[in-house]
Amino acid sequence: MADTDTSLQLVTFQLGDEQYGIDIMEVEGIVKIEDVRAVPNAPGYVEGIFNLRGEIIPVINLHRRFQIKRAELSEEDELLSGFVIINVEGRRLAVRIDRVAGVVTVGSREILPPPQVITGIGSEYVEGVVHHDDRYLIILDIARLFNATELQQLERMQR
């Protein structure tokens, strides 16, 4: 009988006190913190926009979205902060992170269903949780981070 356990590669990062992961196939890159320009009347979770190689990218602040305090980082860890560039329904978005942790591979059998609430984040945004390196890694479902109306607002900012 064949083993049906598949593996998943995750880009992992720190937000506040927790470690999060996003499927590597949904990540277009990681960039250093750029000059972010505020956008008047933007939703509270939108930090602003920045120019990435000629393309205007909205910056999403998950600290605001999930009411998470920023991590207190050393100067060395500050060098690992920046944006994770993701693609949600054909729209490029930048997600501000406290610190990039790296890429990990987990088996699909290791992924547990999300508890109802994880440090302020509703389970609707979480694909699952996996125990990794003596702590829990929260796997975000980026397709559910934004509803259709929010995606339209973000698209208008890119024009």
Protein backbone atom coordinates (compact mmCIF):
# COMPACT_ATOMS: atom_id res chain seq x y z
CA MET A 1 0.00 0.00 0.00
CA ALA A 2 1.41 3.38 -1.02
CA ASP A 3 2.08 6.07 1.54
CA THR A 4 -0.23 9.01 0.72
CA ASP A 5 1.45 11.52 3.02
CA THR A 6 2.43 14.49 0.88
CA SER A 7 4.73 17.27 1.94
CA LEU A 8 4.14 20.99 1.94
CA GLN A 9 6.84 23.66 1.83
CA LEU A 10 6.09 26.75 3.91
CA VAL A 11 7.68 30.17 4.02
CA THR A 12 7.74 30.86 7.75
CA PHE A 13 7.86 34.15 9.59
CA GLN A 14 7.25 35.75 12.94
CA LEU A 15 4.34 38.06 13.72
CA GLY A 16 4.28 39.12 17.34
CA ASP A 17 5.05 36.11 19.52
CA GLU A 18 3.87 33.49 17.02
CA GLN A 19 5.35 31.72 14.02
CA TYR A 20 3.28 31.62 10.82
CA GLY A 21 3.65 29.87 7.51
CA ILE A 22 2.33 30.37 3.99
CA ASP A 23 2.46 27.76 1.24
CA ILE A 24 5.61 28.54 -0.77
CA MET A 25 3.58 28.27 -3.99
CA GLU A 26 1.60 31.38 -2.93
CA VAL A 27 4.73 33.45 -2.20
CA GLU A 28 6.38 35.46 -4.96
CA GLY A 29 9.24 36.74 -2.87
CA ILE A 30 10.50 38.41 0.26
CA VAL A 31 11.76 41.99 0.14
CA LYS A 32 13.34 44.34 2.64
CA ILE A 33 11.21 47.09 4.10
CA GLU A 34 10.68 49.79 1.51
CA ASP A 35 9.34 53.32 1.66
CA VAL A 36 5.62 52.83 2.27
CA ARG A 37 3.32 55.71 1.37
CA ALA A 38 0.08 56.06 3.28
CA VAL A 39 -3.19 55.95 1.34
CA PRO A 40 -5.98 58.27 2.53
CA ASN A 41 -9.21 56.52 3.56
CA ALA A 42 -7.63 53.06 3.23
CA PRO A 43 -8.97 50.22 5.39
CA GLY A 44 -7.28 50.06 8.80
CA TYR A 45 -5.28 46.93 7.96
CA VAL A 46 -3.71 48.61 4.90
CA GLU A 47 -0.46 50.28 5.83
CA GLY A 48 -0.07 51.94 2.44
CA ILE A 49 1.52 51.23 -0.93
CA PHE A 50 5.05 50.90 -2.29
CA ASN A 51 6.68 50.61 -5.68
CA LEU A 52 8.18 47.22 -6.49
CA ARG A 53 10.04 47.35 -9.80
CA GLY A 54 7.46 49.70 -11.34
CA GLU A 55 4.37 48.02 -9.87
CA ILE A 56 2.32 49.61 -7.08
CA ILE A 57 1.78 47.03 -4.31
CA PRO A 58 -0.60 47.46 -1.35
CA VAL A 59 1.02 46.73 2.02
CA ILE A 60 -1.11 44.68 4.39
CA ASN A 61 -0.36 44.95 8.09
CA LEU A 62 -1.49 41.69 9.71
CA HIS A 63 -0.64 43.16 13.13
CA ARG A 64 -3.54 45.55 12.62
CA ARG A 65 -5.78 42.99 10.95
CA PHE A 66 -5.41 40.48 13.77
CA GLN A 67 -4.74 42.92 16.65
CA ILE A 68 -1.27 41.46 17.28
CA LYS A 69 1.51 43.41 18.99
CA ARG A 70 4.71 43.75 17.01
CA ALA A 71 7.55 41.56 18.17
CA GLU A 72 10.36 43.15 20.13
CA LEU A 73 13.37 42.38 17.99
CA SER A 74 17.09 42.74 18.39
CA GLU A 75 19.01 44.82 15.85
CA GLU A 76 20.11 41.58 14.19
CA ASP A 77 16.52 40.34 13.90
CA GLU A 78 15.42 43.73 12.52
CA LEU A 79 17.60 42.93 9.49
CA LEU A 80 15.28 39.96 8.81
CA SER A 81 12.10 42.03 8.77
CA GLY A 82 10.36 43.08 5.58
CA PHE A 83 7.49 42.07 3.32
CA VAL A 84 6.33 38.73 1.98
CA ILE A 85 4.95 39.28 -1.53
CA ILE A 86 1.91 37.06 -2.08
CA ASN A 87 -0.51 36.56 -4.94
CA VAL A 88 -4.20 36.51 -4.01
CA GLU A 89 -6.56 35.91 -6.93
CA GLY A 90 -4.13 37.50 -9.37
CA ARG A 91 -3.36 40.50 -7.15
CA ARG A 92 0.11 41.04 -5.74
CA LEU A 93 0.09 42.12 -2.10
CA ALA A 94 2.86 42.75 0.41
CA VAL A 95 2.40 41.42 3.93
CA ARG A 96 4.55 43.10 6.59
CA ILE A 97 6.34 40.58 8.81
CA ASP A 98 8.39 41.02 11.96
CA ARG A 99 11.08 38.53 10.96
CA VAL A 100 11.48 35.91 8.25
CA ALA A 101 12.29 32.50 9.71
CA GLY A 102 12.93 30.42 6.59
CA VAL A 103 11.41 27.60 4.57
CA VAL A 104 10.29 24.38 6.23
CA THR A 105 8.82 21.19 4.85
CA VAL A 106 6.00 19.50 6.73
CA GLY A 107 4.07 16.33 6.01
CA SER A 108 0.36 16.75 5.38
CA ARG A 109 -0.33 14.22 8.15
CA GLU A 110 1.44 16.52 10.65
CA ILE A 111 -1.00 19.37 10.01
CA LEU A 112 -3.75 19.58 12.62
CA PRO A 113 -7.06 21.39 12.16
CA PRO A 114 -7.03 24.92 13.56
CA PRO A 115 -8.41 25.57 17.03
CA GLN A 116 -11.33 28.03 17.18
CA VAL A 117 -9.15 31.01 18.16
CA ILE A 118 -5.40 31.41 17.96
CA THR A 119 -4.05 34.55 19.66
CA GLY A 120 -6.76 36.75 18.23
CA ILE A 121 -6.82 35.21 14.77
CA GLY A 122 -10.08 33.57 13.79
CA SER A 123 -9.89 30.00 12.56
CA GLU A 124 -11.36 31.13 9.22
CA TYR A 125 -7.91 32.50 8.29
CA VAL A 126 -5.99 29.41 9.38
CA GLU A 127 -5.45 26.36 7.22
CA GLY A 128 -3.94 24.34 10.03
CA VAL A 129 -1.36 24.11 12.79
CA VAL A 130 1.77 21.98 12.91
CA HIS A 131 4.18 21.31 15.76
CA HIS A 132 7.65 22.32 14.54
CA ASP A 133 10.88 23.00 16.46
CA ASP A 134 9.20 22.81 19.88
CA ARG A 135 6.52 25.36 19.00
CA TYR A 136 3.39 25.59 16.95
CA LEU A 137 3.47 26.95 13.43
CA ILE A 138 0.20 28.52 12.28
CA ILE A 139 -0.42 27.95 8.57
CA LEU A 140 -2.35 30.85 7.05
CA ASP A 141 -4.88 30.36 4.26
CA ILE A 142 -4.21 33.46 2.18
CA ALA A 143 -7.23 32.83 -0.05
CA ARG A 144 -9.45 33.52 2.97
CA LEU A 145 -7.56 36.55 4.32
CA PHE A 146 -9.66 38.92 2.20
CA ASN A 147 -13.26 38.88 1.03
CA ALA A 148 -14.30 40.01 -2.47
CA THR A 149 -15.06 43.59 -1.37
CA GLU A 150 -11.65 43.93 0.31
CA LEU A 151 -9.90 42.59 -2.79
CA GLN A 152 -11.70 45.20 -4.92
CA GLN A 153 -10.58 47.96 -2.52
CA LEU A 154 -7.00 46.73 -2.75
CA GLU A 155 -7.17 46.60 -6.54
CA ARG A 156 -8.34 50.24 -6.67
CA MET A 157 -5.25 51.25 -4.68
CA GLN A 158 -3.00 49.73 -7.32
CA ARG A 159 -4.32 52.00 -10.06
